[in-house]
Every structure is written in C-alpha cells, then in structure tokens.
Amino acid sequence: MTDFADLIAGYHRFRETGWKRERSRWEDLVGGQNPKVMVIACSDSRVDPAQIFDTTAGEIFVVRNVANLVPPFETGGGRHGVSAALEFAVTQLEVAEIVVMGHGKCGGVHAALTQSFDGSAPGEGGFIDHWVDLLDEARERVVAEHGDGPEATRALELETVRVSIANLRTFPFVPAREKAGKLRLQGAYFAIADGMLHVMDDKGEFAPA
C-alpha cells in the first residue's frame, strides 16, 4: 500500500525524469496557467483525469469531489469550493470547455442510492449524506425505473453528469458565455471495468468515445 514515503520516492523519480524532460514547459508555466478545459471529476483514486485524458501539467484545470457533483448556484451560507473553482475557471482563466466526468463503481453514487448515511451526524457520514443528497431527485427517478440493483447504480452514475451540467447552468456566467459561443459543456463517463470512456451527446445520451 502506498504511504507518504512512497510518494516522496515518486517525487524523486519525477525530478529525475518527468521534470527534467519537460523542464522547458515547467519554465513556461512559472508565468501562469492558461488551460482551455476545466474537468470536474470524482475524488475516487481510480479515476485521475490527467491519466485518463493523457494530459500534462498546465493543460486541464481540475476539480474533484465525491461523485463529481456541482451544487446549484447559491450565495448564502457555507463555503463554496466548487463554486469558487468554477467562477475562477470561467471568469478568470476563461476556459472554453467544461467537462463533467462520472465513473463506474462510484462510492458516492452507492451512498446516494442506498441512502446508507441518511440521518448520520457529521464525522459519521453526515457530510457525505448532505453532499450526495444533490442526487435525491435523480435517485427517485432511477429507482422508479430500475429498482435498486446494478442497472440503477449505472443509471445514477450517468445521472451525476446530467445533474451537474444542469446545475452548472444555474450560475449566471455559464449560460451567458454559452450563448455567446465562448463556453461549451461536455459530459463523459469512465467505465473502470473496461477502461472505456463514454461521451454524452446533446440529448443526454452516452456512447463510447
């Protein structure tokens, strides 16, 4: 199992290989970043966007959280980590595309589907429960159509992408830039079991890339 000492060893390998090989690129990045794509993905350790999309430093602006969710626009109360990152990417970096990427075997989706942390206190699953309740409406639709088995899990994993894209459009600066042709929203889904990436079309349907 990887621990911090393994990470430090990995850093030394990076310094001797990747950093030296890409040193000119790193020097260019000292002056700032200019990514054209923002990726919103799950925190799951198996779905690293940089690895899946084979990108290098400075190419994608990434936000990761449980179940790759975007909350709807709101201005009051709490801290808004995803909203702040979104605002920065769109209004300051002026990314041209935002990709929401869901994935198979998502623990956050499992928690939403089973409601396994319902009523839990913070520190015992309460934070997770209050986060994945963003999927409550989608969960009701999915359970009504598929029950609560494997088909429902896959369906709700895809719904995380649709829900997040719908919530992105509640932020005023997102549809304004879409209308002006300066921003495009994309949906994707990575299937861990076979390594296949599926891309969402304008109708919300997914097909292999």
N, C-alpha and C. Protein backbone atom coordinates (compact mmCIF):
# COMPACT_ATOMS: atom_id res chain seq x y z
N MET A 1 0.84 -1.19 0.00
CA MET A 1 0.00 0.00 0.00
C MET A 1 0.88 1.25 0.00
N THR A 2 0.52 2.23 -0.81
CA THR A 2 1.30 3.45 -0.90
C THR A 2 1.14 4.30 0.35
N ASP A 3 2.28 4.77 0.89
CA ASP A 3 2.23 5.70 2.01
C ASP A 3 3.03 6.95 1.63
N PHE A 4 3.21 7.87 2.57
CA PHE A 4 3.87 9.14 2.25
C PHE A 4 5.32 8.92 1.78
N ALA A 5 6.00 7.94 2.36
CA ALA A 5 7.37 7.65 1.94
C ALA A 5 7.40 7.24 0.48
N ASP A 6 6.40 6.48 0.04
CA ASP A 6 6.31 6.09 -1.37
C ASP A 6 6.08 7.31 -2.25
N LEU A 7 5.30 8.25 -1.76
CA LEU A 7 5.05 9.47 -2.53
C LEU A 7 6.34 10.27 -2.69
N ILE A 8 7.14 10.35 -1.63
CA ILE A 8 8.42 11.07 -1.72
C ILE A 8 9.36 10.38 -2.70
N ALA A 9 9.36 9.05 -2.69
CA ALA A 9 10.18 8.31 -3.66
C ALA A 9 9.71 8.60 -5.08
N GLY A 10 8.39 8.69 -5.24
CA GLY A 10 7.84 9.04 -6.55
C GLY A 10 8.24 10.43 -6.98
N TYR A 11 8.27 11.34 -6.02
CA TYR A 11 8.71 12.71 -6.33
C TYR A 11 10.14 12.72 -6.86
N HIS A 12 11.02 11.94 -6.24
CA HIS A 12 12.41 11.89 -6.69
C HIS A 12 12.50 11.32 -8.11
N ARG A 13 11.68 10.32 -8.41
CA ARG A 13 11.67 9.80 -9.78
C ARG A 13 11.19 10.86 -10.76
N PHE A 14 10.17 11.62 -10.34
CA PHE A 14 9.66 12.71 -11.17
C PHE A 14 10.74 13.75 -11.45
N ARG A 15 11.49 14.11 -10.41
CA ARG A 15 12.55 15.11 -10.57
C ARG A 15 13.62 14.64 -11.55
N GLU A 16 13.88 13.35 -11.54
CA GLU A 16 14.95 12.81 -12.39
C GLU A 16 14.48 12.51 -13.80
N THR A 17 13.17 12.37 -14.00
CA THR A 17 12.67 12.00 -15.33
C THR A 17 11.72 13.07 -15.87
N GLY A 18 10.49 13.06 -15.40
CA GLY A 18 9.46 13.95 -15.95
C GLY A 18 9.81 15.42 -15.90
N TRP A 19 10.30 15.89 -14.76
CA TRP A 19 10.60 17.32 -14.64
C TRP A 19 11.74 17.72 -15.56
N LYS A 20 12.77 16.90 -15.61
CA LYS A 20 13.89 17.22 -16.49
C LYS A 20 13.47 17.17 -17.95
N ARG A 21 12.69 16.17 -18.30
CA ARG A 21 12.26 16.02 -19.69
C ARG A 21 11.38 17.18 -20.13
N GLU A 22 10.55 17.67 -19.22
CA GLU A 22 9.60 18.74 -19.55
C GLU A 22 10.01 20.07 -18.93
N ARG A 23 11.30 20.25 -18.69
CA ARG A 23 11.75 21.43 -17.96
C ARG A 23 11.35 22.73 -18.66
N SER A 24 11.45 22.76 -19.98
CA SER A 24 11.09 23.99 -20.70
C SER A 24 9.62 24.32 -20.51
N ARG A 25 8.78 23.28 -20.44
CA ARG A 25 7.35 23.52 -20.21
C ARG A 25 7.11 24.06 -18.81
N TRP A 26 7.80 23.50 -17.83
CA TRP A 26 7.66 23.99 -16.47
C TRP A 26 8.11 25.44 -16.37
N GLU A 27 9.15 25.79 -17.10
CA GLU A 27 9.61 27.18 -17.09
C GLU A 27 8.55 28.10 -17.68
N ASP A 28 7.86 27.63 -18.72
CA ASP A 28 6.78 28.43 -19.31
C ASP A 28 5.64 28.63 -18.32
N LEU A 29 5.37 27.60 -17.50
CA LEU A 29 4.25 27.64 -16.56
C LEU A 29 4.52 28.52 -15.35
N VAL A 30 5.78 28.89 -15.11
CA VAL A 30 6.10 29.76 -13.99
C VAL A 30 5.34 31.08 -14.09
N GLY A 31 5.15 31.55 -15.31
CA GLY A 31 4.48 32.83 -15.51
C GLY A 31 2.97 32.78 -15.36
N GLY A 32 2.38 31.60 -15.27
CA GLY A 32 0.93 31.49 -15.12
C GLY A 32 0.38 30.31 -15.89
N GLN A 33 -0.89 30.05 -15.69
CA GLN A 33 -1.55 28.93 -16.36
C GLN A 33 -2.56 29.45 -17.38
N ASN A 34 -2.78 28.64 -18.41
CA ASN A 34 -3.74 29.03 -19.45
C ASN A 34 -4.46 27.80 -20.00
N PRO A 35 -5.07 26.99 -19.11
CA PRO A 35 -5.79 25.80 -19.60
C PRO A 35 -7.04 26.20 -20.36
N LYS A 36 -7.40 25.41 -21.34
CA LYS A 36 -8.60 25.67 -22.13
C LYS A 36 -9.80 24.84 -21.67
N VAL A 37 -9.52 23.85 -20.81
CA VAL A 37 -10.57 22.92 -20.38
C VAL A 37 -10.57 22.80 -18.86
N MET A 38 -11.75 22.85 -18.29
CA MET A 38 -11.95 22.53 -16.88
C MET A 38 -12.58 21.14 -16.81
N VAL A 39 -12.07 20.30 -15.92
CA VAL A 39 -12.64 18.96 -15.72
C VAL A 39 -13.15 18.85 -14.30
N ILE A 40 -14.40 18.46 -14.16
CA ILE A 40 -15.00 18.20 -12.85
C ILE A 40 -15.15 16.70 -12.73
N ALA A 41 -14.41 16.11 -11.80
CA ALA A 41 -14.36 14.65 -11.70
C ALA A 41 -14.51 14.22 -10.25
N CYS A 42 -14.60 12.91 -10.06
CA CYS A 42 -14.75 12.36 -8.71
C CYS A 42 -13.39 12.27 -8.02
N SER A 43 -13.40 12.31 -6.71
CA SER A 43 -12.18 12.17 -5.92
C SER A 43 -11.65 10.74 -5.92
N ASP A 44 -12.41 9.81 -6.40
CA ASP A 44 -12.02 8.39 -6.42
C ASP A 44 -10.60 8.23 -6.97
N SER A 45 -9.78 7.48 -6.24
CA SER A 45 -8.36 7.34 -6.60
C SER A 45 -8.14 6.60 -7.91
N ARG A 46 -9.19 5.96 -8.44
CA ARG A 46 -9.03 5.17 -9.67
C ARG A 46 -9.30 5.97 -10.93
N VAL A 47 -9.76 7.21 -10.79
CA VAL A 47 -10.18 7.96 -11.98
C VAL A 47 -9.50 9.33 -12.04
N ASP A 48 -8.21 9.31 -12.26
CA ASP A 48 -7.43 10.54 -12.37
C ASP A 48 -7.60 11.11 -13.78
N PRO A 49 -8.22 12.28 -13.92
CA PRO A 49 -8.46 12.85 -15.25
C PRO A 49 -7.18 13.04 -16.07
N ALA A 50 -6.09 13.46 -15.42
CA ALA A 50 -4.84 13.67 -16.15
C ALA A 50 -4.35 12.38 -16.77
N GLN A 51 -4.55 11.27 -16.08
CA GLN A 51 -4.13 9.97 -16.60
C GLN A 51 -5.07 9.50 -17.70
N ILE A 52 -6.37 9.62 -17.46
CA ILE A 52 -7.35 9.14 -18.43
C ILE A 52 -7.27 9.91 -19.74
N PHE A 53 -7.07 11.22 -19.66
CA PHE A 53 -7.01 12.05 -20.86
C PHE A 53 -5.58 12.27 -21.35
N ASP A 54 -4.62 11.64 -20.68
CA ASP A 54 -3.21 11.70 -21.09
C ASP A 54 -2.74 13.14 -21.29
N THR A 55 -2.94 13.94 -20.26
CA THR A 55 -2.54 15.35 -20.32
C THR A 55 -1.30 15.59 -19.48
N THR A 56 -0.69 16.73 -19.68
CA THR A 56 0.49 17.11 -18.92
C THR A 56 0.19 18.37 -18.12
N ALA A 57 1.15 18.83 -17.35
CA ALA A 57 0.95 19.99 -16.49
C ALA A 57 0.48 21.21 -17.29
N GLY A 58 -0.51 21.91 -16.74
CA GLY A 58 -0.99 23.14 -17.34
C GLY A 58 -2.09 22.98 -18.39
N GLU A 59 -2.47 21.74 -18.71
CA GLU A 59 -3.43 21.54 -19.80
C GLU A 59 -4.89 21.53 -19.35
N ILE A 60 -5.15 21.03 -18.13
CA ILE A 60 -6.53 20.99 -17.66
C ILE A 60 -6.60 21.53 -16.23
N PHE A 61 -7.69 22.26 -15.96
CA PHE A 61 -7.97 22.80 -14.63
C PHE A 61 -8.97 21.84 -13.99
N VAL A 62 -8.59 21.20 -12.90
CA VAL A 62 -9.36 20.07 -12.38
C VAL A 62 -9.96 20.36 -11.00
N VAL A 63 -11.21 20.00 -10.84
CA VAL A 63 -11.87 20.00 -9.54
C VAL A 63 -12.39 18.59 -9.30
N ARG A 64 -12.06 18.03 -8.15
CA ARG A 64 -12.52 16.67 -7.84
C ARG A 64 -13.24 16.68 -6.50
N ASN A 65 -14.34 15.96 -6.45
CA ASN A 65 -15.11 15.82 -5.21
C ASN A 65 -15.89 14.52 -5.25
N VAL A 66 -16.57 14.21 -4.19
CA VAL A 66 -17.36 12.99 -4.12
C VAL A 66 -18.45 13.01 -5.19
N ALA A 67 -18.41 12.04 -6.10
CA ALA A 67 -19.42 11.83 -7.15
C ALA A 67 -19.46 12.95 -8.19
N ASN A 68 -18.35 13.68 -8.35
CA ASN A 68 -18.23 14.70 -9.41
C ASN A 68 -19.47 15.61 -9.50
N LEU A 69 -19.89 16.11 -8.35
CA LEU A 69 -21.11 16.90 -8.30
C LEU A 69 -20.85 18.40 -8.30
N VAL A 70 -21.74 19.12 -8.95
CA VAL A 70 -21.76 20.58 -8.91
C VAL A 70 -23.04 21.00 -8.19
N PRO A 71 -22.94 21.75 -7.12
CA PRO A 71 -24.16 22.22 -6.45
C PRO A 71 -24.78 23.35 -7.26
N PRO A 72 -26.06 23.61 -7.08
CA PRO A 72 -26.67 24.74 -7.80
C PRO A 72 -26.17 26.07 -7.27
N PHE A 73 -26.32 27.10 -8.07
CA PHE A 73 -25.90 28.45 -7.69
C PHE A 73 -26.65 28.91 -6.45
N GLU A 74 -25.89 29.39 -5.46
CA GLU A 74 -26.48 30.00 -4.27
C GLU A 74 -25.44 30.93 -3.67
N THR A 75 -25.90 31.94 -3.00
CA THR A 75 -24.97 32.95 -2.49
C THR A 75 -24.86 32.99 -0.98
N GLY A 76 -25.73 32.30 -0.27
CA GLY A 76 -25.73 32.41 1.18
C GLY A 76 -25.19 31.19 1.87
N GLY A 77 -24.53 31.40 3.00
CA GLY A 77 -24.16 30.31 3.90
C GLY A 77 -23.07 29.39 3.39
N GLY A 78 -22.29 28.85 4.31
CA GLY A 78 -21.32 27.82 3.98
C GLY A 78 -20.15 28.30 3.13
N ARG A 79 -19.31 27.36 2.78
CA ARG A 79 -18.17 27.60 1.91
C ARG A 79 -18.49 26.99 0.55
N HIS A 80 -18.00 27.62 -0.48
CA HIS A 80 -18.39 27.20 -1.83
C HIS A 80 -17.15 26.84 -2.65
N GLY A 81 -16.54 25.71 -2.33
CA GLY A 81 -15.31 25.32 -3.00
C GLY A 81 -15.50 25.08 -4.49
N VAL A 82 -16.50 24.30 -4.85
CA VAL A 82 -16.74 24.02 -6.27
C VAL A 82 -17.15 25.29 -7.00
N SER A 83 -18.00 26.08 -6.37
CA SER A 83 -18.46 27.32 -7.00
C SER A 83 -17.30 28.29 -7.21
N ALA A 84 -16.39 28.37 -6.24
CA ALA A 84 -15.23 29.26 -6.38
C ALA A 84 -14.32 28.80 -7.51
N ALA A 85 -14.08 27.50 -7.59
CA ALA A 85 -13.24 26.97 -8.66
C ALA A 85 -13.89 27.19 -10.02
N LEU A 86 -15.19 26.99 -10.08
CA LEU A 86 -15.92 27.22 -11.33
C LEU A 86 -15.83 28.68 -11.74
N GLU A 87 -16.07 29.57 -10.80
CA GLU A 87 -16.01 31.00 -11.08
C GLU A 87 -14.62 31.39 -11.58
N PHE A 88 -13.59 30.86 -10.94
CA PHE A 88 -12.22 31.18 -11.34
C PHE A 88 -11.92 30.67 -12.75
N ALA A 89 -12.32 29.43 -13.01
CA ALA A 89 -12.04 28.83 -14.32
C ALA A 89 -12.75 29.57 -15.44
N VAL A 90 -14.00 29.95 -15.21
CA VAL A 90 -14.80 30.55 -16.27
C VAL A 90 -14.52 32.04 -16.43
N THR A 91 -14.49 32.77 -15.33
CA THR A 91 -14.39 34.23 -15.45
C THR A 91 -12.96 34.75 -15.45
N GLN A 92 -12.01 33.98 -14.88
CA GLN A 92 -10.63 34.45 -14.83
C GLN A 92 -9.73 33.74 -15.85
N LEU A 93 -9.78 32.41 -15.86
CA LEU A 93 -8.99 31.66 -16.85
C LEU A 93 -9.67 31.65 -18.21
N GLU A 94 -10.99 31.86 -18.21
CA GLU A 94 -11.79 31.87 -19.44
C GLU A 94 -11.63 30.57 -20.23
N VAL A 95 -11.82 29.45 -19.54
CA VAL A 95 -11.77 28.16 -20.23
C VAL A 95 -12.87 28.11 -21.29
N ALA A 96 -12.60 27.35 -22.34
CA ALA A 96 -13.55 27.25 -23.45
C ALA A 96 -14.52 26.09 -23.28
N GLU A 97 -14.14 25.11 -22.43
CA GLU A 97 -14.98 23.94 -22.24
C GLU A 97 -14.94 23.48 -20.78
N ILE A 98 -16.06 22.94 -20.33
CA ILE A 98 -16.11 22.30 -19.02
C ILE A 98 -16.58 20.87 -19.24
N VAL A 99 -15.82 19.91 -18.75
CA VAL A 99 -16.15 18.50 -18.87
C VAL A 99 -16.51 17.95 -17.49
N VAL A 100 -17.70 17.41 -17.36
CA VAL A 100 -18.09 16.71 -16.14
C VAL A 100 -17.93 15.22 -16.42
N MET A 101 -17.08 14.55 -15.64
CA MET A 101 -16.81 13.13 -15.88
C MET A 101 -17.24 12.27 -14.71
N GLY A 102 -18.25 11.46 -14.93
CA GLY A 102 -18.65 10.47 -13.94
C GLY A 102 -17.86 9.18 -14.15
N HIS A 103 -18.12 8.18 -13.31
CA HIS A 103 -17.37 6.92 -13.47
C HIS A 103 -18.11 5.75 -12.85
N GLY A 104 -17.70 4.56 -13.24
CA GLY A 104 -18.28 3.34 -12.71
C GLY A 104 -17.80 3.04 -11.31
N LYS A 105 -18.58 2.25 -10.59
CA LYS A 105 -18.25 1.82 -9.23
C LYS A 105 -18.05 3.01 -8.28
N CYS A 106 -18.85 4.05 -8.44
CA CYS A 106 -18.70 5.27 -7.65
C CYS A 106 -19.30 5.09 -6.25
N GLY A 107 -18.47 5.26 -5.23
CA GLY A 107 -18.93 5.11 -3.86
C GLY A 107 -19.94 6.16 -3.46
N GLY A 108 -19.78 7.38 -3.99
CA GLY A 108 -20.73 8.43 -3.70
C GLY A 108 -22.11 8.12 -4.24
N VAL A 109 -22.14 7.56 -5.43
CA VAL A 109 -23.42 7.16 -6.04
C VAL A 109 -24.04 6.03 -5.24
N HIS A 110 -23.22 5.09 -4.80
CA HIS A 110 -23.73 3.99 -3.97
C HIS A 110 -24.37 4.54 -2.70
N ALA A 111 -23.71 5.53 -2.08
CA ALA A 111 -24.26 6.13 -0.86
C ALA A 111 -25.58 6.84 -1.15
N ALA A 112 -25.65 7.51 -2.30
CA ALA A 112 -26.90 8.20 -2.66
C ALA A 112 -28.02 7.21 -2.93
N LEU A 113 -27.70 6.13 -3.62
CA LEU A 113 -28.72 5.15 -3.99
C LEU A 113 -29.25 4.39 -2.78
N THR A 114 -28.34 3.98 -1.91
CA THR A 114 -28.74 3.19 -0.74
C THR A 114 -29.15 4.05 0.44
N GLN A 115 -28.84 5.36 0.37
CA GLN A 115 -29.08 6.29 1.48
C GLN A 115 -28.49 5.73 2.78
N SER A 116 -27.30 5.15 2.65
CA SER A 116 -26.67 4.46 3.78
C SER A 116 -26.23 5.40 4.90
N PHE A 117 -26.09 6.71 4.59
CA PHE A 117 -25.68 7.65 5.63
C PHE A 117 -26.83 8.56 6.06
N ASP A 118 -28.03 8.23 5.67
CA ASP A 118 -29.19 9.05 5.99
C ASP A 118 -29.33 9.23 7.50
N GLY A 119 -29.38 10.49 7.95
CA GLY A 119 -29.53 10.78 9.37
C GLY A 119 -28.25 10.71 10.17
N SER A 120 -27.13 10.46 9.53
CA SER A 120 -25.85 10.36 10.25
C SER A 120 -25.35 11.74 10.67
N ALA A 121 -24.61 11.77 11.75
CA ALA A 121 -24.01 13.01 12.23
C ALA A 121 -22.73 13.28 11.46
N PRO A 122 -22.31 14.56 11.39
CA PRO A 122 -21.02 14.87 10.78
C PRO A 122 -19.90 14.09 11.46
N GLY A 123 -19.01 13.55 10.66
CA GLY A 123 -17.96 12.71 11.19
C GLY A 123 -18.32 11.24 11.18
N GLU A 124 -19.61 10.96 10.95
CA GLU A 124 -20.07 9.58 10.87
C GLU A 124 -20.80 9.31 9.55
N GLY A 125 -20.61 10.22 8.60
CA GLY A 125 -21.26 10.08 7.30
C GLY A 125 -22.21 11.21 6.98
N GLY A 126 -22.40 12.11 7.94
CA GLY A 126 -23.34 13.20 7.74
C GLY A 126 -22.94 14.17 6.64
N PHE A 127 -21.65 14.46 6.55
CA PHE A 127 -21.19 15.35 5.48
C PHE A 127 -21.43 14.70 4.11
N ILE A 128 -21.15 13.40 4.04
CA ILE A 128 -21.37 12.67 2.79
C ILE A 128 -22.84 12.70 2.43
N ASP A 129 -23.69 12.41 3.41
CA ASP A 129 -25.13 12.37 3.16
C ASP A 129 -25.65 13.70 2.64
N HIS A 130 -25.20 14.80 3.26
CA HIS A 130 -25.70 16.11 2.84
C HIS A 130 -25.15 16.52 1.48
N TRP A 131 -24.03 15.94 1.08
CA TRP A 131 -23.47 16.23 -0.24
C TRP A 131 -24.20 15.44 -1.33
N VAL A 132 -24.34 14.14 -1.14
CA VAL A 132 -24.95 13.32 -2.19
C VAL A 132 -26.46 13.49 -2.25
N ASP A 133 -27.05 14.21 -1.30
CA ASP A 133 -28.50 14.46 -1.44
C ASP A 133 -28.79 15.40 -2.62
N LEU A 134 -27.74 15.92 -3.24
CA LEU A 134 -27.92 16.63 -4.50
C LEU A 134 -28.51 15.71 -5.57
N LEU A 135 -28.40 14.41 -5.34
CA LEU A 135 -28.91 13.43 -6.29
C LEU A 135 -30.29 12.88 -5.92
N ASP A 136 -30.92 13.43 -4.90
CA ASP A 136 -32.18 12.85 -4.41
C ASP A 136 -33.25 12.77 -5.50
N GLU A 137 -33.46 13.84 -6.24
CA GLU A 137 -34.49 13.82 -7.29
C GLU A 137 -34.16 12.81 -8.37
N ALA A 138 -32.91 12.78 -8.78
CA ALA A 138 -32.48 11.80 -9.79
C ALA A 138 -32.63 10.38 -9.26
N ARG A 139 -32.32 10.20 -7.98
CA ARG A 139 -32.45 8.88 -7.37
C ARG A 139 -33.90 8.38 -7.44
N GLU A 140 -34.83 9.26 -7.16
CA GLU A 140 -36.24 8.86 -7.21
C GLU A 140 -36.64 8.38 -8.60
N ARG A 141 -36.18 9.10 -9.62
CA ARG A 141 -36.49 8.70 -11.00
C ARG A 141 -35.85 7.36 -11.32
N VAL A 142 -34.61 7.20 -10.92
CA VAL A 142 -33.87 5.98 -11.24
C VAL A 142 -34.48 4.77 -10.54
N VAL A 143 -34.78 4.92 -9.26
CA VAL A 143 -35.37 3.80 -8.50
C VAL A 143 -36.73 3.42 -9.07
N ALA A 144 -37.51 4.41 -9.47
CA ALA A 144 -38.83 4.13 -10.04
C ALA A 144 -38.72 3.32 -11.32
N GLU A 145 -37.65 3.54 -12.08
CA GLU A 145 -37.50 2.85 -13.36
C GLU A 145 -36.68 1.57 -13.27
N HIS A 146 -35.65 1.56 -12.40
CA HIS A 146 -34.70 0.44 -12.40
C HIS A 146 -34.63 -0.32 -11.08
N GLY A 147 -35.34 0.12 -10.06
CA GLY A 147 -35.19 -0.52 -8.76
C GLY A 147 -33.91 -0.05 -8.10
N ASP A 148 -33.22 -0.95 -7.39
CA ASP A 148 -32.00 -0.53 -6.69
C ASP A 148 -30.83 -1.47 -6.95
N GLY A 149 -30.86 -2.18 -8.06
CA GLY A 149 -29.80 -3.11 -8.41
C GLY A 149 -28.71 -2.49 -9.26
N PRO A 150 -27.91 -3.32 -9.94
CA PRO A 150 -26.79 -2.83 -10.77
C PRO A 150 -27.22 -1.86 -11.86
N GLU A 151 -28.38 -2.09 -12.48
CA GLU A 151 -28.85 -1.16 -13.52
C GLU A 151 -29.11 0.21 -12.94
N ALA A 152 -29.64 0.26 -11.73
CA ALA A 152 -29.92 1.53 -11.07
C ALA A 152 -28.61 2.25 -10.74
N THR A 153 -27.62 1.49 -10.30
CA THR A 153 -26.33 2.10 -9.98
C THR A 153 -25.74 2.76 -11.20
N ARG A 154 -25.71 2.04 -12.32
CA ARG A 154 -25.16 2.60 -13.57
C ARG A 154 -25.98 3.82 -14.00
N ALA A 155 -27.29 3.72 -13.91
CA ALA A 155 -28.15 4.83 -14.33
C ALA A 155 -27.89 6.07 -13.47
N LEU A 156 -27.71 5.88 -12.17
CA LEU A 156 -27.48 7.03 -11.30
C LEU A 156 -26.07 7.59 -11.50
N GLU A 157 -25.12 6.74 -11.84
CA GLU A 157 -23.77 7.23 -12.16
C GLU A 157 -23.82 8.17 -13.37
N LEU A 158 -24.62 7.82 -14.35
CA LEU A 158 -24.78 8.70 -15.51
C LEU A 158 -25.55 9.97 -15.13
N GLU A 159 -26.49 9.83 -14.22
CA GLU A 159 -27.26 11.00 -13.79
C GLU A 159 -26.40 12.03 -13.09
N THR A 160 -25.31 11.61 -12.44
CA THR A 160 -24.45 12.60 -11.79
C THR A 160 -23.93 13.62 -12.80
N VAL A 161 -23.68 13.15 -14.00
CA VAL A 161 -23.18 14.04 -15.06
C VAL A 161 -24.29 15.00 -15.50
N ARG A 162 -25.47 14.46 -15.73
CA ARG A 162 -26.59 15.30 -16.18
C ARG A 162 -26.98 16.33 -15.10
N VAL A 163 -27.03 15.88 -13.86
CA VAL A 163 -27.39 16.78 -12.76
C VAL A 163 -26.37 17.90 -12.63
N SER A 164 -25.09 17.55 -12.71
CA SER A 164 -24.05 18.57 -12.57
C SER A 164 -24.07 19.57 -13.71
N ILE A 165 -24.32 19.09 -14.92
CA ILE A 165 -24.39 20.01 -16.06
C ILE A 165 -25.60 20.93 -15.92
N ALA A 166 -26.72 20.38 -15.47
CA ALA A 166 -27.89 21.22 -15.25
C ALA A 166 -27.60 22.27 -14.19
N ASN A 167 -26.90 21.89 -13.12
CA ASN A 167 -26.57 22.84 -12.06
C ASN A 167 -25.55 23.88 -12.52
N LEU A 168 -24.64 23.49 -13.41
CA LEU A 168 -23.70 24.47 -13.97
C LEU A 168 -24.46 25.63 -14.61
N ARG A 169 -25.56 25.31 -15.25
CA ARG A 169 -26.31 26.35 -15.97
C ARG A 169 -27.14 27.24 -15.05
N THR A 170 -27.11 26.96 -13.74
CA THR A 170 -27.78 27.87 -12.80
C THR A 170 -26.85 29.03 -12.41
N PHE A 171 -25.56 28.91 -12.75
CA PHE A 171 -24.62 30.00 -12.49
C PHE A 171 -24.74 31.00 -13.64
N PRO A 172 -25.13 32.24 -13.40
CA PRO A 172 -25.42 33.18 -14.48
C PRO A 172 -24.31 33.33 -15.51
N PHE A 173 -23.06 33.26 -15.07
CA PHE A 173 -21.96 33.47 -16.01
C PHE A 173 -21.74 32.29 -16.95
N VAL A 174 -22.34 31.14 -16.67
CA VAL A 174 -22.17 29.97 -17.54
C VAL A 174 -23.06 30.07 -18.78
N PRO A 175 -24.40 30.16 -18.64
CA PRO A 175 -25.23 30.27 -19.84
C PRO A 175 -24.94 31.52 -20.66
N ALA A 176 -24.52 32.60 -19.99
CA ALA A 176 -24.19 33.82 -20.72
C ALA A 176 -23.05 33.57 -21.69
N ARG A 177 -22.04 32.81 -21.24
CA ARG A 177 -20.90 32.50 -22.11
C ARG A 177 -21.25 31.43 -23.13
N GLU A 178 -22.14 30.51 -22.75
CA GLU A 178 -22.61 29.53 -23.74
C GLU A 178 -23.32 30.24 -24.89
N LYS A 179 -24.19 31.16 -24.55
CA LYS A 179 -24.95 31.89 -25.56
C LYS A 179 -24.04 32.69 -26.48
N ALA A 180 -22.95 33.19 -25.91
CA ALA A 180 -22.00 33.99 -26.70
C ALA A 180 -21.04 33.12 -27.50
N GLY A 181 -21.14 31.80 -27.35
CA GLY A 181 -20.25 30.90 -28.06
C GLY A 181 -18.86 30.81 -27.47
N LYS A 182 -18.71 31.22 -26.21
CA LYS A 182 -17.39 31.23 -25.57
C LYS A 182 -17.17 30.03 -24.65
N LEU A 183 -18.21 29.25 -24.41
CA LEU A 183 -18.11 28.15 -23.46
C LEU A 183 -19.00 27.00 -23.92
N ARG A 184 -18.49 25.78 -23.77
CA ARG A 184 -19.27 24.60 -24.10
C ARG A 184 -19.18 23.60 -22.95
N LEU A 185 -20.30 22.99 -22.61
CA LEU A 185 -20.35 21.98 -21.55
C LEU A 185 -20.37 20.59 -22.16
N GLN A 186 -19.54 19.72 -21.60
CA GLN A 186 -19.43 18.35 -22.10
C GLN A 186 -19.64 17.36 -20.96
N GLY A 187 -20.21 16.21 -21.28
CA GLY A 187 -20.38 15.15 -20.29
C GLY A 187 -19.63 13.91 -20.71
N ALA A 188 -19.05 13.22 -19.74
CA ALA A 188 -18.31 11.99 -20.02
C ALA A 188 -18.47 11.02 -18.87
N TYR A 189 -18.18 9.75 -19.15
CA TYR A 189 -18.31 8.70 -18.13
C TYR A 189 -17.21 7.67 -18.39
N PHE A 190 -16.41 7.39 -17.36
CA PHE A 190 -15.33 6.42 -17.49
C PHE A 190 -15.72 5.13 -16.80
N ALA A 191 -15.72 4.05 -17.56
CA ALA A 191 -16.07 2.74 -17.01
C ALA A 191 -14.80 2.05 -16.53
N ILE A 192 -14.65 1.93 -15.23
CA ILE A 192 -13.44 1.35 -14.67
C ILE A 192 -13.25 -0.09 -15.12
N ALA A 193 -14.34 -0.84 -15.25
CA ALA A 193 -14.24 -2.27 -15.55
C ALA A 193 -13.54 -2.55 -16.87
N ASP A 194 -13.78 -1.71 -17.89
CA ASP A 194 -13.18 -1.97 -19.21
C ASP A 194 -12.32 -0.82 -19.73
N GLY A 195 -12.19 0.24 -18.94
CA GLY A 195 -11.34 1.36 -19.35
C GLY A 195 -11.91 2.19 -20.48
N MET A 196 -13.21 2.06 -20.73
CA MET A 196 -13.84 2.78 -21.83
C MET A 196 -14.38 4.14 -21.36
N LEU A 197 -14.16 5.15 -22.18
CA LEU A 197 -14.74 6.47 -21.94
C LEU A 197 -15.98 6.63 -22.81
N HIS A 198 -17.06 7.07 -22.19
CA HIS A 198 -18.30 7.34 -22.92
C HIS A 198 -18.54 8.84 -22.90
N VAL A 199 -19.03 9.35 -24.00
CA VAL A 199 -19.26 10.78 -24.15
C VAL A 199 -20.75 11.05 -24.30
N MET A 200 -21.23 12.10 -23.63
CA MET A 200 -22.64 12.44 -23.67
C MET A 200 -22.95 13.35 -24.85
N ASP A 201 -24.04 13.06 -25.57
CA ASP A 201 -24.44 13.92 -26.68
C ASP A 201 -25.40 15.02 -26.20
N ASP A 202 -25.88 15.82 -27.12
CA ASP A 202 -26.74 16.95 -26.77
C ASP A 202 -28.08 16.51 -26.19
N LYS A 203 -28.45 15.24 -26.40
CA LYS A 203 -29.71 14.72 -25.86
C LYS A 203 -29.54 14.06 -24.50
N GLY A 204 -28.30 14.06 -24.01
CA GLY A 204 -28.04 13.45 -22.71
C GLY A 204 -27.77 11.97 -22.76
N GLU A 205 -27.56 11.42 -23.96
CA GLU A 205 -27.28 10.01 -24.10
C GLU A 205 -25.77 9.78 -24.21
N PHE A 206 -25.31 8.63 -23.73
CA PHE A 206 -23.88 8.32 -23.70
C PHE A 206 -23.53 7.24 -24.72
N ALA A 207 -22.38 7.41 -25.37
CA ALA A 207 -21.87 6.42 -26.30
C ALA A 207 -20.35 6.41 -26.19
N PRO A 208 -19.70 5.25 -26.51
CA PRO A 208 -18.24 5.17 -26.42
C PRO A 208 -17.57 6.25 -27.27
N ALA A 209 -16.50 6.83 -26.71
CA ALA A 209 -15.76 7.87 -27.43
C ALA A 209 -15.09 7.27 -28.66
